[in-house]
N, C-alpha and C. Protein backbone atom coordinates (compact mmCIF):
# COMPACT_ATOMS: atom_id res chain seq x y z
N MET A 1 61.99 27.77 -46.08
CA MET A 1 62.21 29.10 -46.62
C MET A 1 61.77 29.08 -48.15
N SER A 2 61.14 30.07 -48.44
CA SER A 2 60.50 30.16 -49.75
C SER A 2 61.83 30.65 -50.75
N GLU A 3 61.70 30.23 -52.07
CA GLU A 3 62.75 30.82 -52.92
C GLU A 3 62.55 32.23 -53.15
N THR A 4 63.58 32.80 -53.53
CA THR A 4 63.43 34.27 -54.10
C THR A 4 62.62 34.36 -55.24
N ILE A 5 61.91 35.47 -55.45
CA ILE A 5 61.10 35.88 -56.56
C ILE A 5 61.66 36.85 -57.20
N LYS A 6 61.79 36.62 -58.69
CA LYS A 6 62.64 37.59 -59.31
C LYS A 6 61.42 38.70 -59.93
N VAL A 7 61.73 39.93 -59.93
CA VAL A 7 60.73 40.93 -60.66
C VAL A 7 61.54 41.82 -61.55
N ASP A 8 61.23 41.78 -62.69
CA ASP A 8 61.84 42.77 -63.58
C ASP A 8 61.08 43.86 -63.84
N ILE A 9 61.61 45.21 -63.71
CA ILE A 9 60.81 46.48 -63.99
C ILE A 9 61.19 47.29 -65.05
N TRP A 10 60.27 47.42 -65.95
CA TRP A 10 60.83 48.36 -67.00
C TRP A 10 60.31 49.97 -66.60
N SER A 11 61.33 50.75 -66.78
CA SER A 11 60.84 51.91 -66.20
C SER A 11 61.69 53.16 -66.84
N ASP A 12 61.41 54.29 -66.80
CA ASP A 12 62.29 55.63 -67.29
C ASP A 12 62.51 56.45 -66.06
N VAL A 13 63.77 57.12 -66.04
CA VAL A 13 64.30 57.96 -65.07
C VAL A 13 63.12 59.35 -65.07
N GLN A 14 62.66 59.67 -66.06
CA GLN A 14 61.78 60.83 -66.28
C GLN A 14 60.45 60.46 -66.03
N CYS A 15 59.99 59.37 -65.83
CA CYS A 15 58.54 58.96 -65.53
C CYS A 15 58.08 59.19 -64.19
N PRO A 16 57.20 60.15 -64.09
CA PRO A 16 56.76 60.46 -62.66
C PRO A 16 56.01 59.20 -61.91
N TRP A 17 55.25 58.48 -62.71
CA TRP A 17 54.72 57.25 -62.25
C TRP A 17 55.56 56.23 -61.70
N CYS A 18 56.84 56.27 -62.35
CA CYS A 18 57.69 55.07 -62.15
C CYS A 18 58.34 55.29 -60.54
N TYR A 19 58.36 56.57 -60.31
CA TYR A 19 58.87 56.88 -58.98
C TYR A 19 58.07 56.30 -58.02
N ILE A 20 56.77 56.84 -58.30
CA ILE A 20 55.52 56.54 -57.40
C ILE A 20 55.58 55.05 -57.34
N GLY A 21 55.45 54.32 -58.40
CA GLY A 21 55.34 52.79 -58.55
C GLY A 21 56.41 52.35 -57.81
N LYS A 22 57.66 52.81 -57.85
CA LYS A 22 58.73 52.17 -56.92
C LYS A 22 58.29 52.13 -55.69
N ARG A 23 57.74 53.11 -54.95
CA ARG A 23 57.42 53.35 -53.61
C ARG A 23 56.32 52.28 -53.28
N LYS A 24 55.23 52.36 -54.36
CA LYS A 24 54.18 51.30 -53.98
C LYS A 24 54.51 49.99 -53.99
N PHE A 25 55.48 49.82 -55.00
CA PHE A 25 55.95 48.18 -55.20
C PHE A 25 56.83 47.98 -53.99
N GLU A 26 57.55 48.83 -53.31
CA GLU A 26 58.34 48.45 -52.24
C GLU A 26 57.48 48.30 -51.14
N ALA A 27 56.50 49.06 -50.89
CA ALA A 27 55.38 48.91 -49.79
C ALA A 27 54.67 47.47 -49.89
N GLY A 28 54.52 47.08 -51.20
CA GLY A 28 54.03 45.81 -51.51
C GLY A 28 54.67 44.57 -51.26
N VAL A 29 56.05 44.74 -51.40
CA VAL A 29 56.99 43.82 -50.92
C VAL A 29 57.18 43.54 -49.62
N ALA A 30 57.11 44.82 -48.80
CA ALA A 30 57.10 44.63 -47.42
C ALA A 30 55.94 43.92 -46.74
N GLN A 31 54.75 44.26 -47.56
CA GLN A 31 53.46 43.43 -47.13
C GLN A 31 53.57 41.91 -47.34
N PHE A 32 54.29 41.55 -48.52
CA PHE A 32 54.59 40.22 -48.86
C PHE A 32 55.29 39.45 -47.93
N GLY A 33 56.35 40.13 -47.37
CA GLY A 33 57.44 39.58 -46.41
C GLY A 33 58.37 38.57 -47.01
N GLY A 34 58.24 38.11 -48.33
CA GLY A 34 59.30 37.17 -48.64
C GLY A 34 60.40 37.82 -49.42
N ASP A 35 61.27 36.93 -49.84
CA ASP A 35 62.56 37.51 -50.64
C ASP A 35 62.37 37.79 -52.07
N VAL A 36 62.62 38.97 -52.55
CA VAL A 36 62.36 39.58 -53.82
C VAL A 36 63.70 40.06 -54.27
N GLU A 37 63.91 39.52 -55.66
CA GLU A 37 65.20 40.13 -56.35
C GLU A 37 64.60 41.05 -57.50
N ILE A 38 65.14 42.37 -57.50
CA ILE A 38 64.62 43.18 -58.43
C ILE A 38 65.68 43.64 -59.46
N GLU A 39 65.25 43.64 -60.49
CA GLU A 39 66.16 44.20 -61.83
C GLU A 39 65.35 45.09 -62.73
N TYR A 40 66.10 46.30 -62.72
CA TYR A 40 65.40 47.33 -63.70
C TYR A 40 65.83 47.19 -65.02
N HIS A 41 64.89 47.52 -65.96
CA HIS A 41 65.18 47.67 -67.34
C HIS A 41 65.12 48.91 -68.06
N SER A 42 65.72 49.27 -69.10
CA SER A 42 65.43 50.53 -69.72
C SER A 42 64.15 50.74 -70.62
N PHE A 43 63.33 51.75 -70.50
CA PHE A 43 62.62 52.25 -71.19
C PHE A 43 62.60 53.53 -71.55
N GLU A 44 62.61 54.18 -72.78
CA GLU A 44 62.90 55.47 -73.00
C GLU A 44 61.27 56.05 -73.46
N LEU A 45 60.79 56.86 -72.59
CA LEU A 45 59.52 57.61 -73.00
C LEU A 45 59.44 58.44 -74.01
N ALA A 46 60.59 59.19 -74.18
CA ALA A 46 60.86 60.15 -75.22
C ALA A 46 62.33 60.24 -75.76
N PRO A 47 62.57 59.32 -76.40
CA PRO A 47 63.88 59.20 -77.08
C PRO A 47 64.56 60.21 -77.89
N ASP A 48 63.57 61.01 -78.40
CA ASP A 48 63.85 62.14 -79.39
C ASP A 48 64.09 63.49 -78.58
N THR A 49 64.09 63.36 -77.22
CA THR A 49 64.21 64.55 -76.58
C THR A 49 65.63 65.15 -76.49
N PRO A 50 66.14 66.35 -76.67
CA PRO A 50 67.19 66.86 -76.79
C PRO A 50 67.77 66.83 -75.28
N VAL A 51 69.16 66.67 -75.16
CA VAL A 51 69.88 66.52 -73.76
C VAL A 51 69.38 67.85 -73.21
N ASP A 52 69.44 69.04 -73.63
CA ASP A 52 69.25 70.25 -73.03
C ASP A 52 67.99 70.85 -73.74
N PHE A 53 66.85 70.45 -73.28
CA PHE A 53 65.62 71.09 -73.81
C PHE A 53 65.35 72.52 -73.40
N ASP A 54 65.12 73.36 -74.40
CA ASP A 54 65.01 74.80 -73.68
C ASP A 54 63.58 74.94 -73.36
N GLY A 55 63.14 74.68 -72.18
CA GLY A 55 61.82 74.93 -71.71
C GLY A 55 61.46 73.90 -70.52
N SER A 56 60.26 74.19 -69.93
CA SER A 56 59.92 73.40 -68.70
C SER A 56 59.15 72.10 -69.19
N PRO A 57 59.13 71.15 -68.27
CA PRO A 57 58.40 69.77 -68.49
C PRO A 57 56.93 70.27 -68.96
N ALA A 58 56.39 71.19 -68.59
CA ALA A 58 55.01 71.25 -68.75
C ALA A 58 54.84 71.74 -70.45
N GLU A 59 55.86 72.66 -70.66
CA GLU A 59 56.13 73.26 -72.21
C GLU A 59 56.36 72.19 -73.09
N TYR A 60 57.32 70.97 -72.63
CA TYR A 60 57.54 69.88 -73.41
C TYR A 60 56.41 69.15 -73.62
N LEU A 61 55.64 68.68 -72.62
CA LEU A 61 54.59 67.90 -72.75
C LEU A 61 53.42 68.55 -73.58
N SER A 62 53.24 69.78 -73.42
CA SER A 62 52.26 70.57 -74.10
C SER A 62 52.57 70.55 -75.69
N GLN A 63 53.77 70.72 -75.88
CA GLN A 63 54.17 70.54 -77.53
C GLN A 63 54.12 69.13 -77.80
N ARG A 64 54.58 68.20 -77.19
CA ARG A 64 54.57 66.75 -77.48
C ARG A 64 53.07 66.20 -77.46
N LYS A 65 52.13 66.55 -76.69
CA LYS A 65 50.91 65.94 -76.58
C LYS A 65 50.05 66.81 -77.41
N GLY A 66 50.31 68.21 -77.73
CA GLY A 66 49.45 68.84 -78.43
C GLY A 66 48.28 69.39 -77.44
N MET A 67 48.43 69.43 -76.13
CA MET A 67 47.52 69.91 -75.14
C MET A 67 47.79 71.33 -74.67
N PRO A 68 46.80 71.94 -74.24
CA PRO A 68 46.95 73.34 -73.73
C PRO A 68 47.86 73.43 -72.46
N LEU A 69 48.88 74.29 -72.53
CA LEU A 69 49.65 74.38 -71.29
C LEU A 69 48.95 74.29 -69.73
N PRO A 70 47.89 74.99 -69.64
CA PRO A 70 47.30 74.99 -68.38
C PRO A 70 46.61 73.59 -67.98
N GLN A 71 46.32 72.54 -69.05
CA GLN A 71 46.00 71.53 -68.72
C GLN A 71 47.08 70.64 -68.43
N VAL A 72 48.10 70.70 -68.90
CA VAL A 72 49.39 70.01 -68.58
C VAL A 72 50.04 70.37 -67.25
N GLU A 73 49.72 71.67 -67.08
CA GLU A 73 50.34 72.06 -65.55
C GLU A 73 49.32 71.65 -64.47
N GLN A 74 48.10 71.36 -64.93
CA GLN A 74 47.13 70.60 -63.74
C GLN A 74 47.46 69.21 -63.54
N MET A 75 47.91 68.55 -64.75
CA MET A 75 48.42 67.04 -64.76
C MET A 75 49.63 67.10 -63.94
N LEU A 76 50.33 67.79 -63.97
CA LEU A 76 51.58 67.92 -63.20
C LEU A 76 51.34 68.17 -61.82
N GLN A 77 50.40 69.13 -61.39
CA GLN A 77 49.93 69.20 -60.21
C GLN A 77 49.41 68.11 -59.58
N ASN A 78 48.57 67.30 -60.30
CA ASN A 78 47.90 66.10 -59.93
C ASN A 78 49.00 65.01 -59.40
N VAL A 79 49.82 64.94 -60.29
CA VAL A 79 50.96 63.65 -60.11
C VAL A 79 51.75 64.23 -58.93
N THR A 80 51.88 65.49 -58.81
CA THR A 80 52.80 66.02 -57.55
C THR A 80 52.12 65.72 -56.28
N ASN A 81 50.85 65.81 -56.34
CA ASN A 81 49.96 65.59 -55.17
C ASN A 81 49.85 63.93 -54.89
N ILE A 82 49.83 63.19 -55.84
CA ILE A 82 49.90 61.83 -55.48
C ILE A 82 51.24 61.41 -55.20
N ALA A 83 52.19 62.01 -55.70
CA ALA A 83 53.54 61.56 -55.18
C ALA A 83 53.66 62.00 -53.93
N ALA A 84 53.22 62.90 -53.21
CA ALA A 84 53.47 63.43 -52.03
C ALA A 84 52.68 62.26 -50.86
N GLN A 85 51.77 61.52 -51.53
CA GLN A 85 50.72 60.72 -50.58
C GLN A 85 51.89 59.34 -50.23
N VAL A 86 52.92 59.16 -51.15
CA VAL A 86 53.80 58.19 -50.90
C VAL A 86 55.30 58.63 -50.48
N GLY A 87 55.26 59.92 -49.87
CA GLY A 87 56.37 60.50 -49.29
C GLY A 87 57.53 61.30 -50.33
N LEU A 88 57.00 61.39 -51.42
CA LEU A 88 57.87 62.15 -52.60
C LEU A 88 57.42 63.49 -52.66
N GLU A 89 58.48 64.35 -52.70
CA GLU A 89 58.37 65.80 -52.98
C GLU A 89 58.78 66.11 -54.32
N TYR A 90 57.88 66.06 -55.27
CA TYR A 90 58.31 66.47 -56.61
C TYR A 90 58.38 67.92 -56.66
N ASP A 91 59.36 68.56 -57.56
CA ASP A 91 59.49 69.91 -57.63
C ASP A 91 59.64 70.05 -59.22
N TYR A 92 58.57 70.21 -59.89
CA TYR A 92 58.45 70.29 -61.54
C TYR A 92 59.16 71.74 -61.73
N ASP A 93 58.99 72.80 -60.88
CA ASP A 93 59.75 74.02 -61.25
C ASP A 93 61.26 73.97 -61.45
N ALA A 94 61.70 72.97 -60.81
CA ALA A 94 63.24 72.68 -60.89
C ALA A 94 63.58 71.62 -61.92
N VAL A 95 62.80 70.79 -62.45
CA VAL A 95 62.98 69.67 -63.26
C VAL A 95 63.66 70.14 -64.56
N HIS A 96 64.86 69.44 -64.99
CA HIS A 96 65.41 69.63 -66.14
C HIS A 96 64.85 68.58 -67.23
N GLN A 97 64.08 68.96 -68.17
CA GLN A 97 63.70 68.13 -69.12
C GLN A 97 64.83 67.55 -70.10
N THR A 98 65.03 66.35 -70.29
CA THR A 98 66.36 65.90 -70.99
C THR A 98 66.17 64.54 -71.54
N ASN A 99 66.97 64.09 -72.29
CA ASN A 99 67.21 62.79 -73.05
C ASN A 99 67.79 61.78 -71.91
N THR A 100 67.22 60.79 -71.64
CA THR A 100 67.63 59.80 -70.46
C THR A 100 68.44 58.62 -70.78
N VAL A 101 68.94 58.65 -72.11
CA VAL A 101 69.70 57.38 -72.57
C VAL A 101 71.00 57.22 -71.66
N LYS A 102 71.71 58.31 -71.31
CA LYS A 102 72.72 58.04 -70.81
C LYS A 102 72.47 57.78 -69.19
N ALA A 103 71.66 58.13 -68.76
CA ALA A 103 71.00 57.64 -67.23
C ALA A 103 70.82 56.38 -67.45
N HIS A 104 70.23 55.72 -68.51
CA HIS A 104 70.10 54.32 -68.56
C HIS A 104 71.45 53.64 -68.80
N GLU A 105 72.25 54.12 -69.38
CA GLU A 105 73.50 53.49 -69.43
C GLU A 105 74.01 53.39 -68.19
N LEU A 106 74.04 54.68 -67.40
CA LEU A 106 74.66 54.57 -65.97
C LEU A 106 73.81 53.34 -65.18
N LEU A 107 72.71 53.34 -65.31
CA LEU A 107 71.93 52.29 -64.35
C LEU A 107 72.53 50.98 -64.85
N HIS A 108 72.92 50.55 -66.17
CA HIS A 108 73.51 49.37 -66.56
C HIS A 108 74.96 49.15 -65.99
N TYR A 109 75.66 50.28 -65.82
CA TYR A 109 77.00 50.37 -65.38
C TYR A 109 76.78 50.07 -63.81
N ALA A 110 76.11 50.57 -63.17
CA ALA A 110 75.78 50.35 -61.77
C ALA A 110 75.41 48.97 -61.53
N LYS A 111 74.60 48.37 -62.51
CA LYS A 111 74.31 47.00 -62.40
C LYS A 111 75.38 46.18 -62.48
N SER A 112 76.44 46.42 -63.45
CA SER A 112 77.40 45.58 -63.40
C SER A 112 78.47 45.60 -62.21
N LYS A 113 78.09 46.59 -61.28
CA LYS A 113 78.97 46.72 -60.04
C LYS A 113 78.02 46.04 -58.82
N GLY A 114 76.77 45.55 -59.36
CA GLY A 114 76.01 45.03 -58.17
C GLY A 114 75.20 46.44 -57.43
N ARG A 115 75.12 47.37 -58.14
CA ARG A 115 74.65 48.52 -57.27
C ARG A 115 73.46 49.21 -58.06
N GLN A 116 72.68 48.52 -58.85
CA GLN A 116 71.61 49.07 -59.66
C GLN A 116 70.56 49.84 -58.86
N LEU A 117 70.00 49.27 -57.92
CA LEU A 117 69.04 49.74 -57.08
C LEU A 117 69.32 51.05 -56.56
N GLU A 118 70.46 51.10 -55.88
CA GLU A 118 70.89 52.25 -55.27
C GLU A 118 70.99 53.37 -56.39
N MET A 119 71.26 53.13 -57.45
CA MET A 119 71.52 54.13 -58.59
C MET A 119 70.25 54.64 -59.01
N LYS A 120 69.20 53.73 -59.30
CA LYS A 120 67.94 54.09 -59.72
C LYS A 120 67.36 55.07 -58.66
N GLU A 121 67.34 54.71 -57.64
CA GLU A 121 66.86 55.61 -56.43
C GLU A 121 67.41 57.02 -56.51
N ALA A 122 68.75 57.13 -56.76
CA ALA A 122 69.36 58.31 -56.88
C ALA A 122 69.08 59.07 -57.83
N LEU A 123 68.81 58.43 -59.24
CA LEU A 123 68.53 59.28 -60.34
C LEU A 123 67.15 59.71 -60.25
N LEU A 124 66.17 59.13 -59.91
CA LEU A 124 65.00 59.36 -59.73
C LEU A 124 64.74 60.61 -58.84
N LYS A 125 65.58 60.60 -57.67
CA LYS A 125 65.48 61.57 -56.60
C LYS A 125 66.17 62.92 -57.32
N ALA A 126 67.09 62.59 -57.96
CA ALA A 126 67.84 63.64 -58.73
C ALA A 126 66.92 64.50 -59.57
N TYR A 127 66.18 63.78 -60.33
CA TYR A 127 65.15 64.41 -61.41
C TYR A 127 64.06 64.92 -60.94
N PHE A 128 63.38 64.30 -60.09
CA PHE A 128 62.10 64.88 -59.71
C PHE A 128 62.35 65.60 -58.43
N VAL A 129 63.15 65.40 -57.47
CA VAL A 129 63.28 66.07 -56.07
C VAL A 129 64.14 67.23 -56.02
N ASP A 130 65.50 66.90 -56.61
CA ASP A 130 66.62 67.82 -56.31
C ASP A 130 66.99 68.67 -57.48
N GLY A 131 66.23 68.64 -58.65
CA GLY A 131 66.49 69.48 -59.77
C GLY A 131 67.67 69.26 -60.41
N GLY A 132 68.30 68.01 -60.38
CA GLY A 132 69.34 67.55 -61.01
C GLY A 132 69.32 67.27 -62.71
N HIS A 133 70.26 67.38 -63.25
CA HIS A 133 70.56 67.17 -64.59
C HIS A 133 70.88 65.71 -64.88
N VAL A 134 70.06 64.75 -65.61
CA VAL A 134 70.16 63.37 -65.57
C VAL A 134 70.70 63.03 -66.91
N GLY A 135 70.97 64.12 -67.82
CA GLY A 135 71.04 63.87 -69.26
C GLY A 135 72.59 63.99 -69.80
N ARG A 136 73.39 64.73 -69.02
CA ARG A 136 74.62 65.05 -69.37
C ARG A 136 75.65 64.23 -68.62
N ILE A 137 76.73 63.76 -69.32
CA ILE A 137 77.66 62.88 -68.65
C ILE A 137 78.49 63.40 -67.53
N GLU A 138 78.58 64.68 -67.48
CA GLU A 138 79.44 65.24 -66.33
C GLU A 138 78.62 65.19 -65.15
N ASP A 139 77.30 65.55 -65.27
CA ASP A 139 76.27 65.67 -64.00
C ASP A 139 76.22 64.33 -63.57
N LEU A 140 75.91 63.28 -64.40
CA LEU A 140 75.69 61.98 -64.16
C LEU A 140 76.91 61.21 -63.35
N ALA A 141 78.22 61.63 -63.82
CA ALA A 141 79.43 61.30 -63.05
C ALA A 141 79.37 61.93 -61.82
N ASP A 142 79.03 63.11 -61.54
CA ASP A 142 79.06 63.70 -60.26
C ASP A 142 78.05 63.12 -59.52
N LEU A 143 76.95 62.63 -59.79
CA LEU A 143 75.90 61.86 -59.14
C LEU A 143 76.42 60.41 -58.59
N ALA A 144 77.22 59.96 -59.61
CA ALA A 144 77.72 58.48 -59.37
C ALA A 144 78.96 58.60 -58.26
N ALA A 145 79.67 59.58 -58.38
CA ALA A 145 80.73 60.01 -57.21
C ALA A 145 80.26 60.10 -55.89
N GLU A 146 79.06 60.77 -55.88
CA GLU A 146 78.59 60.85 -54.77
C GLU A 146 77.97 59.69 -53.83
N LEU A 147 77.86 58.68 -54.59
CA LEU A 147 77.57 57.35 -54.25
C LEU A 147 78.76 56.53 -54.07
N GLY A 148 79.90 57.06 -54.36
CA GLY A 148 81.15 56.40 -54.20
C GLY A 148 81.91 55.45 -55.44
N PHE A 149 81.19 55.62 -56.59
CA PHE A 149 81.61 55.18 -57.65
C PHE A 149 83.06 55.85 -58.16
N ASP A 150 83.77 55.29 -59.07
CA ASP A 150 85.01 55.97 -59.61
C ASP A 150 84.44 56.96 -60.62
N ARG A 151 84.62 58.24 -60.49
CA ARG A 151 83.91 59.21 -61.34
C ARG A 151 84.68 59.06 -62.84
N ALA A 152 85.88 58.88 -62.81
CA ALA A 152 86.58 58.89 -64.14
C ALA A 152 86.26 57.62 -64.81
N ASP A 153 85.87 56.50 -64.22
CA ASP A 153 85.55 55.42 -64.90
C ASP A 153 84.04 55.45 -65.25
N VAL A 154 83.38 56.27 -64.52
CA VAL A 154 81.90 56.39 -64.96
C VAL A 154 81.96 57.32 -66.58
N VAL A 155 82.90 58.38 -66.33
CA VAL A 155 82.97 59.15 -67.40
C VAL A 155 83.43 58.47 -68.69
N ARG A 156 84.48 57.46 -68.39
CA ARG A 156 85.06 56.73 -69.53
C ARG A 156 83.93 55.70 -70.19
N SER A 157 83.03 55.22 -69.28
CA SER A 157 81.99 54.20 -69.96
C SER A 157 80.90 54.99 -70.60
N LEU A 158 80.58 56.09 -69.97
CA LEU A 158 79.40 57.00 -70.86
C LEU A 158 79.93 57.38 -71.97
N GLU A 159 81.01 57.87 -72.13
CA GLU A 159 81.79 58.63 -73.42
C GLU A 159 81.68 57.28 -74.49
N GLN A 160 82.20 56.09 -74.02
CA GLN A 160 82.37 55.22 -74.85
C GLN A 160 81.19 54.20 -75.20
N ASN A 161 79.98 54.57 -74.63
CA ASN A 161 78.62 54.02 -74.87
C ASN A 161 78.93 52.58 -74.54
N GLU A 162 79.50 52.24 -73.26
CA GLU A 162 79.85 50.93 -73.20
C GLU A 162 78.57 50.06 -72.84
N PHE A 163 77.46 50.72 -72.24
CA PHE A 163 76.30 49.78 -71.95
C PHE A 163 74.96 50.36 -72.87
N LEU A 164 75.55 50.94 -74.10
CA LEU A 164 74.23 51.32 -74.89
C LEU A 164 73.50 50.27 -75.56
N ALA A 165 74.33 49.33 -75.83
CA ALA A 165 73.78 48.10 -76.52
C ALA A 165 72.77 47.34 -75.53
N ASP A 166 72.97 47.34 -74.20
CA ASP A 166 72.17 46.62 -73.00
C ASP A 166 70.85 47.58 -73.05
N VAL A 167 71.26 48.77 -73.21
CA VAL A 167 69.85 49.74 -73.02
C VAL A 167 68.94 49.30 -74.16
N LYS A 168 69.55 49.19 -75.44
CA LYS A 168 68.75 49.08 -76.54
C LYS A 168 68.05 47.62 -76.47
N ALA A 169 68.94 46.71 -75.97
CA ALA A 169 68.32 45.33 -75.64
C ALA A 169 67.09 45.46 -74.82
N ASP A 170 67.30 46.07 -73.55
CA ASP A 170 66.01 46.27 -72.77
C ASP A 170 64.84 46.75 -73.53
N VAL A 171 64.95 47.95 -74.31
CA VAL A 171 63.83 48.47 -75.09
C VAL A 171 63.20 47.38 -76.12
N ALA A 172 64.15 46.76 -76.73
CA ALA A 172 63.66 45.69 -77.73
C ALA A 172 62.93 44.69 -77.15
N GLN A 173 63.44 44.20 -75.73
CA GLN A 173 62.51 43.26 -75.12
C GLN A 173 61.24 43.92 -74.46
N ALA A 174 61.09 45.13 -74.15
CA ALA A 174 59.88 45.74 -73.80
C ALA A 174 59.12 45.67 -75.18
N ARG A 175 59.36 46.04 -76.22
CA ARG A 175 58.74 46.04 -77.28
C ARG A 175 58.06 44.45 -77.77
N ALA A 176 59.01 43.55 -77.37
CA ALA A 176 58.64 42.04 -77.88
C ALA A 176 57.43 41.67 -76.84
N PHE A 177 57.71 42.44 -75.62
CA PHE A 177 56.56 41.93 -74.67
C PHE A 177 55.23 42.61 -74.91
N GLY A 178 55.19 43.63 -75.73
CA GLY A 178 54.18 44.57 -75.82
C GLY A 178 54.01 45.72 -74.91
N ILE A 179 55.06 46.00 -74.25
CA ILE A 179 55.04 47.07 -73.06
C ILE A 179 55.01 48.44 -73.80
N GLN A 180 53.95 49.26 -73.59
CA GLN A 180 53.70 50.49 -74.23
C GLN A 180 53.81 51.50 -73.40
N GLY A 181 53.80 51.26 -71.96
CA GLY A 181 53.99 52.15 -70.94
C GLY A 181 54.59 51.77 -69.52
N VAL A 182 55.25 52.64 -68.93
CA VAL A 182 55.97 52.34 -67.69
C VAL A 182 55.22 53.01 -66.59
N PRO A 183 55.70 52.64 -65.30
CA PRO A 183 56.35 51.42 -64.90
C PRO A 183 55.50 49.89 -65.43
N PHE A 184 56.30 48.99 -65.87
CA PHE A 184 55.72 47.79 -66.03
C PHE A 184 56.48 46.62 -65.29
N PHE A 185 55.87 45.75 -64.51
CA PHE A 185 56.41 44.72 -63.61
C PHE A 185 56.22 43.43 -64.25
N VAL A 186 57.34 42.84 -64.46
CA VAL A 186 57.14 41.24 -64.78
C VAL A 186 57.53 40.31 -63.51
N ILE A 187 56.57 39.71 -62.80
CA ILE A 187 56.69 38.78 -61.71
C ILE A 187 57.00 37.49 -61.96
N ASP A 188 58.07 36.94 -61.76
CA ASP A 188 58.35 35.38 -61.93
C ASP A 188 58.41 35.21 -63.42
N GLY A 189 58.73 36.15 -64.29
CA GLY A 189 58.70 35.96 -65.70
C GLY A 189 57.41 35.52 -66.45
N LYS A 190 56.25 35.67 -65.57
CA LYS A 190 55.22 35.38 -66.09
C LYS A 190 53.92 36.22 -65.99
N TYR A 191 53.84 36.96 -65.01
CA TYR A 191 52.77 37.82 -64.52
C TYR A 191 53.10 39.21 -64.91
N GLY A 192 52.37 39.88 -65.45
CA GLY A 192 52.64 41.40 -65.86
C GLY A 192 51.71 42.22 -65.06
N ILE A 193 52.48 43.41 -64.38
CA ILE A 193 51.33 44.35 -63.87
C ILE A 193 51.68 45.61 -64.39
N SER A 194 50.98 46.54 -64.88
CA SER A 194 51.19 47.63 -65.62
C SER A 194 50.74 48.97 -64.61
N GLY A 195 51.57 49.78 -64.49
CA GLY A 195 51.21 51.04 -63.87
C GLY A 195 51.50 51.13 -62.38
N ALA A 196 51.26 52.20 -61.68
CA ALA A 196 51.78 52.25 -60.22
C ALA A 196 50.63 51.83 -59.47
N GLN A 197 50.37 50.54 -59.27
CA GLN A 197 49.29 49.96 -58.56
C GLN A 197 49.44 50.23 -57.12
N ASP A 198 48.26 49.75 -56.53
CA ASP A 198 48.31 49.70 -54.82
C ASP A 198 49.35 48.73 -54.23
N PRO A 199 49.83 48.93 -53.37
CA PRO A 199 50.91 47.93 -52.52
C PRO A 199 50.18 46.63 -52.42
N ALA A 200 48.92 46.62 -52.07
CA ALA A 200 48.10 45.40 -51.93
C ALA A 200 48.07 44.33 -53.21
N SER A 201 48.12 45.11 -54.44
CA SER A 201 47.95 44.34 -55.70
C SER A 201 49.38 43.68 -55.91
N PHE A 202 50.51 44.46 -55.52
CA PHE A 202 51.92 43.97 -55.64
C PHE A 202 51.94 42.78 -54.65
N ALA A 203 51.39 42.80 -53.48
CA ALA A 203 51.67 41.69 -52.31
C ALA A 203 50.79 40.68 -52.68
N GLN A 204 49.62 40.91 -53.24
CA GLN A 204 48.90 39.65 -53.84
C GLN A 204 49.55 38.97 -54.96
N ALA A 205 50.07 39.57 -55.80
CA ALA A 205 50.84 38.90 -56.88
C ALA A 205 51.97 38.09 -56.60
N LEU A 206 52.78 38.69 -55.61
CA LEU A 206 53.97 37.92 -55.08
C LEU A 206 53.65 36.80 -54.27
N THR A 207 52.44 36.92 -53.48
CA THR A 207 51.82 35.92 -52.47
C THR A 207 51.41 34.60 -53.62
N GLN A 208 50.65 35.02 -54.63
CA GLN A 208 50.30 34.06 -55.62
C GLN A 208 51.36 33.05 -56.20
N VAL A 209 52.34 33.71 -56.59
CA VAL A 209 53.48 33.25 -57.07
C VAL A 209 54.09 32.39 -56.00
N SER A 210 54.22 32.78 -54.87
CA SER A 210 54.87 31.88 -53.79
C SER A 210 53.91 30.76 -53.53
N GLU A 211 52.61 30.81 -53.50
CA GLU A 211 51.72 29.73 -53.27
C GLU A 211 52.05 28.87 -54.35
N GLU A 212 51.89 29.14 -55.61
CA GLU A 212 52.01 28.34 -56.80
C GLU A 212 53.08 27.56 -56.78
N ARG A 213 54.26 28.28 -56.23
CA ARG A 213 55.48 27.48 -56.20
C ARG A 213 55.38 26.30 -55.13
N ALA A 214 54.92 26.72 -54.13
CA ALA A 214 54.74 25.72 -52.95
C ALA A 214 53.85 24.63 -53.35
N ALA A 215 52.79 24.89 -54.16
CA ALA A 215 52.02 23.68 -54.76
C ALA A 215 52.56 23.03 -55.91
N GLY A 216 53.61 23.49 -56.22
CA GLY A 216 54.36 23.00 -57.79
C GLY A 216 53.72 23.09 -58.87
N VAL A 217 53.12 24.35 -58.96
CA VAL A 217 52.59 24.82 -60.22
C VAL A 217 53.59 25.65 -61.05
N SER A 218 53.79 25.07 -62.24
CA SER A 218 54.86 25.71 -62.97
C SER A 218 54.20 26.84 -64.19
């Protein structure tokens, strides 16, 4: 039996390519066929975003990037089409542009309970597919409760910023690695893959690590 390969993934809940990359990575893991341990790490694409942004994601991106609104809307349509190719039904008309720091804190909370991967999927689906609000404590607590978490304890944790230091540590580690965009995958602590690559690229990298281990390469 080959040893489990650890993969660390830097990602943001409001990153469309992170959800697409998640699906492609999962397909790559399936192609690889070996044991893979996944840990998600926080990355904030827009930490200055207000929790309740008054406008659409397209309007936000247009303001932030200084691009004409029709151009941004076309970009979002393109990414929606790509998402559909991996079975994801993005609904940008229902997306609530928001600050994701509390969502990241909730991911660390879920990790402390051994359920981070389940929470990551739920947050991405809430944001891109279901029109959920992933910036407000009450909404996040409702989402967690749907997964069987203790709602009152989630509210307590988020109100007390229990895992804020862990979020900041993830962001600092990304900066130390030189990560400027997400998703970013670090395989076995030594190989970095940037972006939502094809499943075959992930499978190849995992296979390479497995073969190097078998050959005694450190």
